């Protein structure tokens, strides 16, 4: 047991903990978080393959297979968490730019006296003036009072930093719970059969 504990269990545990460092890196730092996520996933995959090479080929699932699979799942989930946080961050940034454009166009339309744009988006300047806003601007102004779509409301209610803050607590707690369950079952069977190494069984 000591050999696998030093060569496999502890290193894989440290790799999982290392993947959580990305939760403290800003969502704007895409290169840093992507590099960290991909590196931990590849390292975990390599370590899993190396551990299986030293064990006999059997048809059933070994205890160490369960451990490596769950560790790989945690590392991959951290990478997926970054993708979700980065996506929401970019969407919120685009929504902010769109709101700024709408505000500028609305103020400009008030100054030009072009608030009575019809619902069919036909610009007034086509009828009686040459200084009115074009059709695309009229659509933006007319849609300004409409309720935002569901996806946009969800993005506003779930800030990017909240996802990272939740992950900082959720991932360690889930990993601790897995360790409690795994080692309780493993050690119970290990001491029940002291002459057999259940890592390879």
N, C-alpha and C. Protein backbone atom coordinates (compact mmCIF):
# COMPACT_ATOMS: atom_id res chain seq x y z
N UNK A 1 0.82 -1.21 0.00
CA UNK A 1 0.00 0.00 0.00
C UNK A 1 0.85 1.26 0.00
N UNK A 2 2.00 1.21 0.74
CA UNK A 2 2.85 2.38 0.83
C UNK A 2 3.38 2.84 -0.51
N UNK A 3 3.70 1.89 -1.40
CA UNK A 3 4.23 2.23 -2.72
C UNK A 3 3.20 3.02 -3.52
N UNK A 4 1.98 2.53 -3.58
CA UNK A 4 0.93 3.21 -4.35
C UNK A 4 0.52 4.53 -3.71
N UNK A 5 0.63 4.59 -2.39
CA UNK A 5 0.28 5.83 -1.70
C UNK A 5 1.23 6.96 -2.09
N UNK A 6 2.52 6.63 -2.18
CA UNK A 6 3.53 7.64 -2.51
C UNK A 6 3.59 7.92 -4.01
N UNK A 7 3.47 6.87 -4.81
CA UNK A 7 3.65 7.01 -6.26
C UNK A 7 2.38 7.44 -6.99
N UNK A 8 1.22 7.18 -6.43
CA UNK A 8 -0.02 7.43 -7.18
C UNK A 8 -1.00 8.31 -6.42
N UNK A 9 -1.35 7.92 -5.21
CA UNK A 9 -2.43 8.61 -4.50
C UNK A 9 -2.07 10.06 -4.15
N UNK A 10 -0.94 10.26 -3.52
CA UNK A 10 -0.57 11.62 -3.11
C UNK A 10 -0.32 12.53 -4.31
N UNK A 11 0.44 12.11 -5.34
CA UNK A 11 0.61 12.99 -6.50
C UNK A 11 -0.70 13.35 -7.20
N UNK A 12 -1.60 12.38 -7.36
CA UNK A 12 -2.87 12.68 -8.01
C UNK A 12 -3.71 13.62 -7.17
N UNK A 13 -3.64 13.48 -5.85
CA UNK A 13 -4.36 14.39 -4.97
C UNK A 13 -3.84 15.82 -5.10
N UNK A 14 -2.52 15.95 -5.20
CA UNK A 14 -1.92 17.28 -5.37
C UNK A 14 -2.28 17.90 -6.72
N UNK A 15 -2.40 17.09 -7.74
CA UNK A 15 -2.79 17.61 -9.06
C UNK A 15 -4.22 18.14 -9.02
N UNK A 16 -5.10 17.43 -8.34
CA UNK A 16 -6.48 17.89 -8.20
C UNK A 16 -6.52 19.23 -7.45
N UNK A 17 -5.77 19.32 -6.37
CA UNK A 17 -5.72 20.57 -5.61
C UNK A 17 -5.13 21.69 -6.45
N UNK A 18 -4.12 21.37 -7.27
CA UNK A 18 -3.51 22.37 -8.14
C UNK A 18 -4.52 22.91 -9.16
N UNK A 19 -5.43 22.07 -9.63
CA UNK A 19 -6.42 22.54 -10.60
C UNK A 19 -7.36 23.58 -10.00
N UNK A 20 -7.50 23.61 -8.67
CA UNK A 20 -8.37 24.60 -8.03
C UNK A 20 -7.76 25.98 -7.99
N UNK A 21 -6.47 26.10 -8.29
CA UNK A 21 -5.83 27.42 -8.30
C UNK A 21 -6.49 28.33 -9.33
N UNK A 22 -7.03 27.75 -10.40
CA UNK A 22 -7.66 28.55 -11.45
C UNK A 22 -8.87 29.32 -10.93
N UNK A 23 -9.48 28.88 -9.83
CA UNK A 23 -10.64 29.58 -9.28
C UNK A 23 -10.26 30.94 -8.70
N UNK A 24 -8.98 31.11 -8.39
CA UNK A 24 -8.51 32.38 -7.86
C UNK A 24 -7.90 33.27 -8.95
N UNK A 25 -7.89 32.81 -10.18
CA UNK A 25 -7.40 33.60 -11.30
C UNK A 25 -8.59 34.25 -11.99
N UNK A 26 -8.44 35.50 -12.39
CA UNK A 26 -9.54 36.23 -13.02
C UNK A 26 -10.00 35.53 -14.29
N UNK A 27 -11.31 35.62 -14.55
CA UNK A 27 -11.86 35.03 -15.77
C UNK A 27 -11.32 35.70 -17.02
N UNK A 28 -10.80 36.91 -16.90
CA UNK A 28 -10.23 37.60 -18.05
C UNK A 28 -8.87 37.02 -18.44
N UNK A 29 -8.22 36.33 -17.51
CA UNK A 29 -6.90 35.75 -17.79
C UNK A 29 -7.06 34.36 -18.43
N UNK A 30 -7.57 34.37 -19.64
CA UNK A 30 -7.84 33.09 -20.33
C UNK A 30 -6.59 32.26 -20.56
N UNK A 31 -5.48 32.85 -21.05
CA UNK A 31 -4.29 32.02 -21.31
C UNK A 31 -3.81 31.28 -20.06
N UNK A 32 -3.80 31.97 -18.92
CA UNK A 32 -3.30 31.34 -17.69
C UNK A 32 -4.20 30.19 -17.24
N UNK A 33 -5.50 30.42 -17.28
CA UNK A 33 -6.43 29.39 -16.80
C UNK A 33 -6.53 28.22 -17.76
N UNK A 34 -6.48 28.50 -19.06
CA UNK A 34 -6.52 27.41 -20.04
C UNK A 34 -5.26 26.56 -19.92
N UNK A 35 -4.10 27.21 -19.82
CA UNK A 35 -2.84 26.47 -19.69
C UNK A 35 -2.83 25.60 -18.44
N UNK A 36 -3.31 26.16 -17.32
CA UNK A 36 -3.34 25.39 -16.07
C UNK A 36 -4.31 24.22 -16.19
N UNK A 37 -5.49 24.46 -16.77
CA UNK A 37 -6.48 23.40 -16.88
C UNK A 37 -6.03 22.26 -17.78
N UNK A 38 -5.51 22.61 -18.94
CA UNK A 38 -5.07 21.57 -19.88
C UNK A 38 -3.87 20.81 -19.32
N UNK A 39 -2.96 21.52 -18.65
CA UNK A 39 -1.78 20.86 -18.08
C UNK A 39 -2.18 19.85 -17.02
N UNK A 40 -3.11 20.22 -16.14
CA UNK A 40 -3.53 19.29 -15.09
C UNK A 40 -4.28 18.08 -15.67
N UNK A 41 -5.08 18.31 -16.69
CA UNK A 41 -5.81 17.19 -17.31
C UNK A 41 -4.83 16.22 -17.96
N UNK A 42 -3.87 16.75 -18.72
CA UNK A 42 -2.89 15.88 -19.38
C UNK A 42 -2.01 15.16 -18.36
N UNK A 43 -1.61 15.86 -17.31
CA UNK A 43 -0.79 15.23 -16.28
C UNK A 43 -1.55 14.11 -15.58
N UNK A 44 -2.83 14.36 -15.31
CA UNK A 44 -3.65 13.33 -14.66
C UNK A 44 -3.82 12.13 -15.58
N UNK A 45 -4.01 12.36 -16.86
CA UNK A 45 -4.16 11.26 -17.82
C UNK A 45 -2.88 10.44 -17.91
N UNK A 46 -1.75 11.12 -17.95
CA UNK A 46 -0.46 10.43 -18.02
C UNK A 46 -0.20 9.60 -16.77
N UNK A 47 -0.52 10.18 -15.63
CA UNK A 47 -0.30 9.44 -14.38
C UNK A 47 -1.21 8.22 -14.29
N UNK A 48 -2.44 8.35 -14.76
CA UNK A 48 -3.35 7.22 -14.74
C UNK A 48 -2.85 6.09 -15.64
N UNK A 49 -2.35 6.46 -16.81
CA UNK A 49 -1.81 5.45 -17.71
C UNK A 49 -0.58 4.78 -17.12
N UNK A 50 0.29 5.57 -16.47
CA UNK A 50 1.49 5.00 -15.86
C UNK A 50 1.17 4.06 -14.72
N UNK A 51 0.14 4.41 -13.94
CA UNK A 51 -0.24 3.54 -12.82
C UNK A 51 -0.79 2.21 -13.32
N UNK A 52 -1.56 2.25 -14.39
CA UNK A 52 -2.14 1.01 -14.93
C UNK A 52 -1.09 0.10 -15.56
N UNK A 53 0.01 0.68 -16.03
CA UNK A 53 1.06 -0.15 -16.65
C UNK A 53 1.77 -1.03 -15.62
N UNK A 54 1.80 -0.59 -14.37
CA UNK A 54 2.49 -1.36 -13.33
C UNK A 54 1.58 -2.40 -12.68
N UNK A 55 0.32 -2.42 -13.06
CA UNK A 55 -0.64 -3.34 -12.45
C UNK A 55 -1.03 -4.43 -13.45
N UNK A 56 -1.43 -5.57 -12.97
CA UNK A 56 -1.85 -6.64 -13.88
C UNK A 56 -3.12 -6.28 -14.64
N UNK A 57 -3.24 -6.83 -15.84
CA UNK A 57 -4.42 -6.59 -16.67
C UNK A 57 -5.54 -7.52 -16.21
N UNK A 58 -6.60 -6.92 -15.69
CA UNK A 58 -7.74 -7.70 -15.21
C UNK A 58 -9.01 -7.14 -15.84
N UNK A 59 -10.07 -7.92 -15.79
CA UNK A 59 -11.33 -7.54 -16.42
C UNK A 59 -12.24 -6.72 -15.52
N UNK A 60 -11.96 -6.68 -14.22
CA UNK A 60 -12.82 -5.94 -13.31
C UNK A 60 -12.17 -4.61 -12.93
N UNK A 61 -12.98 -3.74 -12.31
CA UNK A 61 -12.51 -2.41 -11.92
C UNK A 61 -11.76 -2.49 -10.59
N UNK A 62 -10.55 -1.93 -10.57
CA UNK A 62 -9.73 -1.93 -9.37
C UNK A 62 -10.00 -0.67 -8.55
N UNK A 63 -9.59 -0.72 -7.30
CA UNK A 63 -9.78 0.44 -6.42
C UNK A 63 -9.02 1.65 -6.93
N UNK A 64 -7.82 1.41 -7.45
CA UNK A 64 -7.03 2.53 -7.95
C UNK A 64 -7.63 3.10 -9.23
N UNK A 65 -8.37 2.29 -9.99
CA UNK A 65 -9.05 2.80 -11.19
C UNK A 65 -10.14 3.80 -10.81
N UNK A 66 -10.86 3.48 -9.74
CA UNK A 66 -11.91 4.40 -9.27
C UNK A 66 -11.31 5.71 -8.82
N UNK A 67 -10.20 5.62 -8.10
CA UNK A 67 -9.54 6.82 -7.60
C UNK A 67 -9.06 7.70 -8.76
N UNK A 68 -8.38 7.12 -9.72
CA UNK A 68 -7.85 7.90 -10.83
C UNK A 68 -8.96 8.48 -11.69
N UNK A 69 -10.05 7.74 -11.86
CA UNK A 69 -11.16 8.23 -12.67
C UNK A 69 -11.83 9.43 -12.01
N UNK A 70 -12.02 9.37 -10.71
CA UNK A 70 -12.65 10.49 -10.00
C UNK A 70 -11.73 11.70 -9.98
N UNK A 71 -10.44 11.48 -9.79
CA UNK A 71 -9.49 12.60 -9.82
C UNK A 71 -9.48 13.27 -11.19
N UNK A 72 -9.51 12.46 -12.25
CA UNK A 72 -9.57 13.02 -13.59
C UNK A 72 -10.87 13.79 -13.80
N UNK A 73 -11.95 13.30 -13.23
CA UNK A 73 -13.23 13.98 -13.34
C UNK A 73 -13.19 15.34 -12.65
N UNK A 74 -12.57 15.43 -11.50
CA UNK A 74 -12.46 16.70 -10.79
C UNK A 74 -11.61 17.69 -11.58
N UNK A 75 -10.52 17.23 -12.14
CA UNK A 75 -9.65 18.12 -12.91
C UNK A 75 -10.37 18.61 -14.17
N UNK A 76 -11.08 17.71 -14.83
CA UNK A 76 -11.81 18.10 -16.03
C UNK A 76 -12.96 19.05 -15.69
N UNK A 77 -13.61 18.84 -14.55
CA UNK A 77 -14.70 19.72 -14.13
C UNK A 77 -14.19 21.13 -13.85
N UNK A 78 -12.97 21.24 -13.32
CA UNK A 78 -12.39 22.57 -13.09
C UNK A 78 -12.17 23.30 -14.41
N UNK A 79 -11.77 22.57 -15.44
CA UNK A 79 -11.59 23.18 -16.75
C UNK A 79 -12.93 23.61 -17.35
N UNK A 80 -13.95 22.79 -17.17
CA UNK A 80 -15.29 23.14 -17.66
C UNK A 80 -15.83 24.35 -16.91
N UNK A 81 -15.54 24.43 -15.61
CA UNK A 81 -15.98 25.59 -14.82
C UNK A 81 -15.40 26.88 -15.37
N UNK A 82 -14.13 26.84 -15.78
CA UNK A 82 -13.53 28.02 -16.38
C UNK A 82 -14.23 28.40 -17.68
N UNK A 83 -14.56 27.40 -18.50
CA UNK A 83 -15.25 27.69 -19.77
C UNK A 83 -16.59 28.38 -19.50
N UNK A 84 -17.32 27.92 -18.50
CA UNK A 84 -18.61 28.54 -18.17
C UNK A 84 -18.42 29.95 -17.63
N UNK A 85 -17.43 30.14 -16.74
CA UNK A 85 -17.18 31.47 -16.18
C UNK A 85 -16.72 32.44 -17.25
N UNK A 86 -15.85 31.99 -18.14
CA UNK A 86 -15.36 32.86 -19.20
C UNK A 86 -16.47 33.23 -20.17
N UNK A 87 -17.35 32.27 -20.48
CA UNK A 87 -18.47 32.55 -21.38
C UNK A 87 -19.41 33.60 -20.79
N UNK A 88 -19.76 33.45 -19.51
CA UNK A 88 -20.63 34.43 -18.86
C UNK A 88 -19.96 35.79 -18.78
N UNK A 89 -18.66 35.79 -18.53
CA UNK A 89 -17.92 37.06 -18.46
C UNK A 89 -17.97 37.79 -19.79
N UNK A 90 -17.76 37.08 -20.88
CA UNK A 90 -17.81 37.72 -22.20
C UNK A 90 -19.21 38.18 -22.55
N UNK A 91 -20.23 37.38 -22.17
CA UNK A 91 -21.61 37.77 -22.47
C UNK A 91 -22.01 39.01 -21.69
N UNK A 92 -21.62 39.09 -20.43
CA UNK A 92 -21.93 40.27 -19.63
C UNK A 92 -21.22 41.49 -20.17
N UNK A 93 -20.00 41.32 -20.66
CA UNK A 93 -19.28 42.43 -21.24
C UNK A 93 -19.98 42.92 -22.51
N UNK A 94 -20.45 41.99 -23.35
CA UNK A 94 -21.17 42.36 -24.56
C UNK A 94 -22.49 43.05 -24.23
N UNK A 95 -23.18 42.56 -23.18
CA UNK A 95 -24.44 43.19 -22.77
C UNK A 95 -24.19 44.61 -22.30
N UNK A 96 -23.07 44.82 -21.60
CA UNK A 96 -22.75 46.16 -21.14
C UNK A 96 -22.47 47.11 -22.29
N UNK A 97 -21.76 46.62 -23.30
CA UNK A 97 -21.49 47.45 -24.47
C UNK A 97 -22.79 47.76 -25.22
N UNK A 98 -23.66 46.77 -25.33
CA UNK A 98 -24.93 46.98 -26.02
C UNK A 98 -25.78 48.00 -25.28
N UNK A 99 -25.79 47.95 -23.95
CA UNK A 99 -26.57 48.92 -23.18
C UNK A 99 -26.02 50.32 -23.36
N UNK A 100 -24.69 50.44 -23.45
CA UNK A 100 -24.08 51.76 -23.65
C UNK A 100 -24.46 52.32 -25.01
N UNK A 101 -24.45 51.47 -26.02
CA UNK A 101 -24.83 51.91 -27.37
C UNK A 101 -26.28 52.35 -27.39
N UNK A 102 -27.16 51.59 -26.75
CA UNK A 102 -28.57 51.95 -26.71
C UNK A 102 -28.77 53.30 -26.03
N UNK A 103 -28.03 53.54 -24.93
CA UNK A 103 -28.17 54.80 -24.21
C UNK A 103 -27.73 55.97 -25.07
N UNK A 104 -26.63 55.79 -25.77
CA UNK A 104 -26.12 56.87 -26.63
C UNK A 104 -27.11 57.16 -27.76
N UNK A 105 -27.62 56.10 -28.39
CA UNK A 105 -28.56 56.29 -29.49
C UNK A 105 -29.87 56.90 -29.02
N UNK A 106 -30.31 56.53 -27.82
CA UNK A 106 -31.55 57.07 -27.30
C UNK A 106 -31.42 58.56 -27.02
N UNK A 107 -30.27 58.94 -26.43
CA UNK A 107 -30.05 60.36 -26.18
C UNK A 107 -29.94 61.14 -27.49
N UNK A 108 -29.29 60.52 -28.47
CA UNK A 108 -29.16 61.18 -29.77
C UNK A 108 -30.51 61.35 -30.44
N UNK A 109 -31.39 60.35 -30.29
CA UNK A 109 -32.71 60.42 -30.91
C UNK A 109 -33.56 61.50 -30.26
N UNK A 110 -33.38 61.69 -28.92
CA UNK A 110 -34.12 62.75 -28.25
C UNK A 110 -33.69 64.11 -28.76
N UNK A 111 -32.39 64.28 -28.97
CA UNK A 111 -31.90 65.56 -29.47
C UNK A 111 -32.38 65.82 -30.89
N UNK A 112 -32.50 64.78 -31.68
CA UNK A 112 -32.95 64.94 -33.07
C UNK A 112 -34.46 64.94 -33.20
N UNK A 113 -35.18 64.74 -32.09
CA UNK A 113 -36.63 64.71 -32.14
C UNK A 113 -37.17 63.52 -32.90
N UNK A 114 -36.53 62.39 -32.77
CA UNK A 114 -36.92 61.20 -33.54
C UNK A 114 -37.37 60.08 -32.62
N UNK A 115 -38.28 60.39 -31.67
CA UNK A 115 -38.74 59.38 -30.75
C UNK A 115 -39.95 58.62 -31.26
N UNK A 116 -40.63 59.14 -32.27
CA UNK A 116 -41.86 58.51 -32.77
C UNK A 116 -41.57 57.62 -33.97
N UNK A 117 -40.72 56.63 -33.77
CA UNK A 117 -40.42 55.68 -34.83
C UNK A 117 -41.51 54.62 -34.83
N UNK A 118 -42.09 54.33 -36.01
CA UNK A 118 -43.22 53.41 -36.04
C UNK A 118 -42.78 51.98 -35.76
N UNK A 119 -43.73 51.11 -35.46
CA UNK A 119 -43.44 49.75 -35.02
C UNK A 119 -42.91 48.87 -36.14
N UNK A 120 -43.06 49.30 -37.36
CA UNK A 120 -42.57 48.50 -38.48
C UNK A 120 -41.13 48.85 -38.83
N UNK A 121 -40.51 49.68 -37.96
CA UNK A 121 -39.10 50.05 -38.13
C UNK A 121 -38.85 50.84 -39.42
N UNK A 122 -39.83 51.52 -39.89
CA UNK A 122 -39.62 52.38 -41.06
C UNK A 122 -39.13 53.73 -40.56
N UNK A 123 -37.96 54.17 -40.93
CA UNK A 123 -37.42 55.43 -40.39
C UNK A 123 -38.20 56.64 -40.89
N UNK A 124 -38.29 57.63 -40.03
CA UNK A 124 -39.04 58.84 -40.35
C UNK A 124 -38.39 59.63 -41.48
N UNK A 125 -37.06 59.54 -41.59
CA UNK A 125 -36.39 60.37 -42.57
C UNK A 125 -36.78 60.00 -44.00
N UNK A 126 -37.34 58.79 -44.16
CA UNK A 126 -37.79 58.38 -45.49
C UNK A 126 -39.07 59.11 -45.88
N UNK A 127 -39.74 59.72 -44.86
CA UNK A 127 -41.01 60.36 -45.14
C UNK A 127 -40.89 61.88 -45.24
N UNK A 128 -40.27 62.50 -44.22
CA UNK A 128 -40.31 63.96 -44.21
C UNK A 128 -39.03 64.64 -43.71
N UNK A 129 -37.94 63.89 -43.49
CA UNK A 129 -36.74 64.51 -42.96
C UNK A 129 -35.50 63.77 -43.43
N UNK A 130 -34.39 64.50 -43.37
CA UNK A 130 -33.12 63.90 -43.78
C UNK A 130 -32.14 63.75 -42.62
N UNK A 131 -32.56 64.08 -41.40
CA UNK A 131 -31.63 64.03 -40.27
C UNK A 131 -32.10 63.07 -39.20
N UNK A 132 -32.87 62.01 -39.56
CA UNK A 132 -33.36 61.05 -38.59
C UNK A 132 -32.45 59.83 -38.54
N UNK A 133 -32.63 59.04 -37.52
CA UNK A 133 -31.79 57.86 -37.36
C UNK A 133 -32.14 56.80 -38.38
N UNK A 134 -31.18 55.99 -38.82
CA UNK A 134 -31.46 54.91 -39.77
C UNK A 134 -32.28 53.80 -39.12
N UNK A 135 -32.71 52.84 -39.95
CA UNK A 135 -33.60 51.78 -39.49
C UNK A 135 -32.98 50.94 -38.39
N UNK A 136 -31.70 50.59 -38.52
CA UNK A 136 -31.05 49.76 -37.50
C UNK A 136 -31.08 50.44 -36.14
N UNK A 137 -30.86 51.78 -36.11
CA UNK A 137 -30.92 52.50 -34.85
C UNK A 137 -32.34 52.54 -34.30
N UNK A 138 -33.30 52.69 -35.21
CA UNK A 138 -34.70 52.71 -34.77
C UNK A 138 -35.09 51.39 -34.12
N UNK A 139 -34.59 50.27 -34.62
CA UNK A 139 -34.88 48.98 -34.02
C UNK A 139 -34.32 48.90 -32.61
N UNK A 140 -33.13 49.42 -32.43
CA UNK A 140 -32.52 49.39 -31.10
C UNK A 140 -33.34 50.22 -30.12
N UNK A 141 -33.77 51.41 -30.56
CA UNK A 141 -34.53 52.29 -29.68
C UNK A 141 -35.89 51.69 -29.36
N UNK A 142 -36.56 51.13 -30.36
CA UNK A 142 -37.87 50.55 -30.12
C UNK A 142 -37.81 49.32 -29.22
N UNK A 143 -36.69 48.59 -29.28
CA UNK A 143 -36.54 47.40 -28.45
C UNK A 143 -36.01 47.71 -27.06
N UNK A 144 -35.72 48.98 -26.79
CA UNK A 144 -35.08 49.33 -25.54
C UNK A 144 -36.00 49.07 -24.34
N UNK A 145 -37.30 49.23 -24.54
CA UNK A 145 -38.24 49.04 -23.44
C UNK A 145 -38.77 47.62 -23.33
N UNK A 146 -38.35 46.74 -24.21
CA UNK A 146 -38.81 45.37 -24.16
C UNK A 146 -38.06 44.61 -23.06
N UNK A 147 -38.69 43.65 -22.39
CA UNK A 147 -37.98 42.89 -21.35
C UNK A 147 -36.85 42.08 -21.98
N UNK A 148 -35.72 41.94 -21.28
CA UNK A 148 -34.60 41.17 -21.82
C UNK A 148 -34.94 39.70 -21.93
N UNK A 149 -34.30 38.98 -22.84
CA UNK A 149 -34.57 37.55 -22.96
C UNK A 149 -34.15 36.79 -21.70
N UNK A 150 -34.64 35.55 -21.61
CA UNK A 150 -34.38 34.75 -20.40
C UNK A 150 -32.89 34.53 -20.18
N UNK A 151 -32.15 34.24 -21.26
CA UNK A 151 -30.71 33.98 -21.12
C UNK A 151 -29.98 35.19 -20.58
N UNK A 152 -30.40 36.38 -20.99
CA UNK A 152 -29.75 37.59 -20.50
C UNK A 152 -30.07 37.83 -19.03
N UNK A 153 -31.30 37.55 -18.60
CA UNK A 153 -31.65 37.70 -17.19
C UNK A 153 -30.86 36.72 -16.33
N UNK A 154 -30.65 35.50 -16.85
CA UNK A 154 -29.87 34.51 -16.09
C UNK A 154 -28.43 34.97 -15.93
N UNK A 155 -27.85 35.53 -17.00
CA UNK A 155 -26.46 35.99 -16.92
C UNK A 155 -26.31 37.12 -15.91
N UNK A 156 -27.31 37.99 -15.82
CA UNK A 156 -27.22 39.09 -14.86
C UNK A 156 -27.37 38.60 -13.43
N UNK A 157 -28.13 37.55 -13.23
CA UNK A 157 -28.35 37.02 -11.89
C UNK A 157 -27.21 36.12 -11.42
N UNK A 158 -26.35 35.68 -12.34
CA UNK A 158 -25.23 34.81 -11.98
C UNK A 158 -23.93 35.49 -12.42
N UNK A 159 -23.37 36.38 -11.61
CA UNK A 159 -22.11 37.03 -11.98
C UNK A 159 -20.97 36.03 -12.09
N UNK A 160 -19.97 36.41 -12.85
CA UNK A 160 -18.83 35.52 -13.05
C UNK A 160 -18.11 35.22 -11.73
N UNK A 161 -17.91 36.23 -10.91
CA UNK A 161 -17.17 36.01 -9.66
C UNK A 161 -17.92 35.08 -8.72
N UNK A 162 -19.25 35.04 -8.84
CA UNK A 162 -20.01 34.15 -7.97
C UNK A 162 -19.75 32.69 -8.31
N UNK A 163 -19.54 32.40 -9.59
CA UNK A 163 -19.25 31.03 -10.02
C UNK A 163 -17.90 30.59 -9.43
N UNK A 164 -16.90 31.45 -9.53
CA UNK A 164 -15.59 31.11 -8.98
C UNK A 164 -15.64 30.98 -7.46
N UNK A 165 -16.35 31.88 -6.81
CA UNK A 165 -16.44 31.81 -5.34
C UNK A 165 -17.13 30.53 -4.89
N UNK A 166 -18.19 30.14 -5.60
CA UNK A 166 -18.89 28.90 -5.26
C UNK A 166 -18.00 27.69 -5.50
N UNK A 167 -17.24 27.72 -6.58
CA UNK A 167 -16.36 26.59 -6.91
C UNK A 167 -15.24 26.44 -5.89
N UNK A 168 -14.79 27.55 -5.32
CA UNK A 168 -13.73 27.49 -4.31
C UNK A 168 -14.16 26.68 -3.09
N UNK A 169 -15.45 26.65 -2.82
CA UNK A 169 -15.97 25.90 -1.68
C UNK A 169 -16.51 24.54 -2.12
N UNK A 170 -17.21 24.51 -3.24
CA UNK A 170 -17.88 23.29 -3.68
C UNK A 170 -16.90 22.19 -4.06
N UNK A 171 -15.87 22.52 -4.83
CA UNK A 171 -14.92 21.50 -5.28
C UNK A 171 -14.16 20.87 -4.11
N UNK A 172 -13.57 21.64 -3.20
CA UNK A 172 -12.88 21.00 -2.06
C UNK A 172 -13.81 20.16 -1.20
N UNK A 173 -15.03 20.66 -0.95
CA UNK A 173 -15.96 19.90 -0.11
C UNK A 173 -16.34 18.58 -0.77
N UNK A 174 -16.59 18.62 -2.08
CA UNK A 174 -16.94 17.39 -2.80
C UNK A 174 -15.77 16.41 -2.78
N UNK A 175 -14.55 16.91 -2.95
CA UNK A 175 -13.38 16.03 -2.95
C UNK A 175 -13.14 15.43 -1.57
N UNK A 176 -13.38 16.22 -0.52
CA UNK A 176 -13.23 15.71 0.84
C UNK A 176 -14.26 14.61 1.11
N UNK A 177 -15.48 14.82 0.67
CA UNK A 177 -16.52 13.79 0.85
C UNK A 177 -16.16 12.50 0.12
N UNK A 178 -15.63 12.66 -1.10
CA UNK A 178 -15.20 11.47 -1.84
C UNK A 178 -14.09 10.75 -1.12
N UNK A 179 -13.13 11.48 -0.56
CA UNK A 179 -12.02 10.85 0.17
C UNK A 179 -12.52 10.11 1.41
N UNK A 180 -13.46 10.69 2.11
CA UNK A 180 -13.99 10.04 3.31
C UNK A 180 -14.65 8.71 2.93
N UNK A 181 -15.46 8.74 1.88
CA UNK A 181 -16.15 7.51 1.45
C UNK A 181 -15.15 6.49 0.91
N UNK A 182 -14.24 6.96 0.05
CA UNK A 182 -13.29 6.04 -0.60
C UNK A 182 -12.39 5.37 0.42
N UNK A 183 -11.77 6.17 1.29
CA UNK A 183 -10.80 5.60 2.24
C UNK A 183 -11.49 4.77 3.32
N UNK A 184 -12.74 5.10 3.64
CA UNK A 184 -13.46 4.28 4.61
C UNK A 184 -13.68 2.87 4.06
N UNK A 185 -14.10 2.80 2.82
CA UNK A 185 -14.32 1.49 2.20
C UNK A 185 -13.00 0.77 1.94
N UNK A 186 -12.01 1.52 1.44
CA UNK A 186 -10.72 0.93 1.09
C UNK A 186 -10.01 0.36 2.31
N UNK A 187 -9.88 1.19 3.35
CA UNK A 187 -9.16 0.74 4.55
C UNK A 187 -9.90 -0.37 5.27
N UNK A 188 -11.22 -0.34 5.21
CA UNK A 188 -11.99 -1.41 5.84
C UNK A 188 -11.69 -2.76 5.19
N UNK A 189 -11.64 -2.76 3.86
CA UNK A 189 -11.33 -4.00 3.14
C UNK A 189 -9.84 -4.34 3.25
N UNK A 190 -8.99 -3.31 3.32
CA UNK A 190 -7.55 -3.57 3.39
C UNK A 190 -7.18 -4.26 4.71
N UNK A 191 -7.71 -3.80 5.83
CA UNK A 191 -7.38 -4.40 7.11
C UNK A 191 -8.17 -5.69 7.35
N UNK A 192 -9.27 -5.84 6.61
CA UNK A 192 -10.00 -7.10 6.72
C UNK A 192 -9.26 -8.24 6.03
N UNK A 193 -8.41 -7.86 5.00
CA UNK A 193 -7.61 -8.84 4.28
C UNK A 193 -6.15 -8.37 4.30
N UNK A 194 -5.48 -8.51 5.40
CA UNK A 194 -4.12 -7.94 5.53
C UNK A 194 -3.10 -8.57 4.61
N UNK A 195 -3.35 -9.74 4.08
CA UNK A 195 -2.35 -10.40 3.25
C UNK A 195 -2.59 -10.16 1.77
N UNK A 196 -3.57 -9.33 1.43
CA UNK A 196 -3.84 -9.06 0.03
C UNK A 196 -3.88 -7.56 -0.18
N UNK A 197 -3.30 -7.18 -1.28
CA UNK A 197 -3.31 -5.77 -1.64
C UNK A 197 -4.49 -5.51 -2.54
N UNK A 198 -5.52 -4.85 -2.02
CA UNK A 198 -6.74 -4.66 -2.81
C UNK A 198 -6.58 -3.56 -3.84
N UNK A 199 -5.45 -2.86 -3.86
CA UNK A 199 -5.22 -1.88 -4.92
C UNK A 199 -5.23 -2.55 -6.27
N UNK A 200 -4.72 -3.75 -6.31
CA UNK A 200 -4.62 -4.45 -7.57
C UNK A 200 -5.79 -5.40 -7.79
N UNK A 201 -6.81 -5.29 -6.93
CA UNK A 201 -7.95 -6.18 -7.05
C UNK A 201 -9.23 -5.42 -7.27
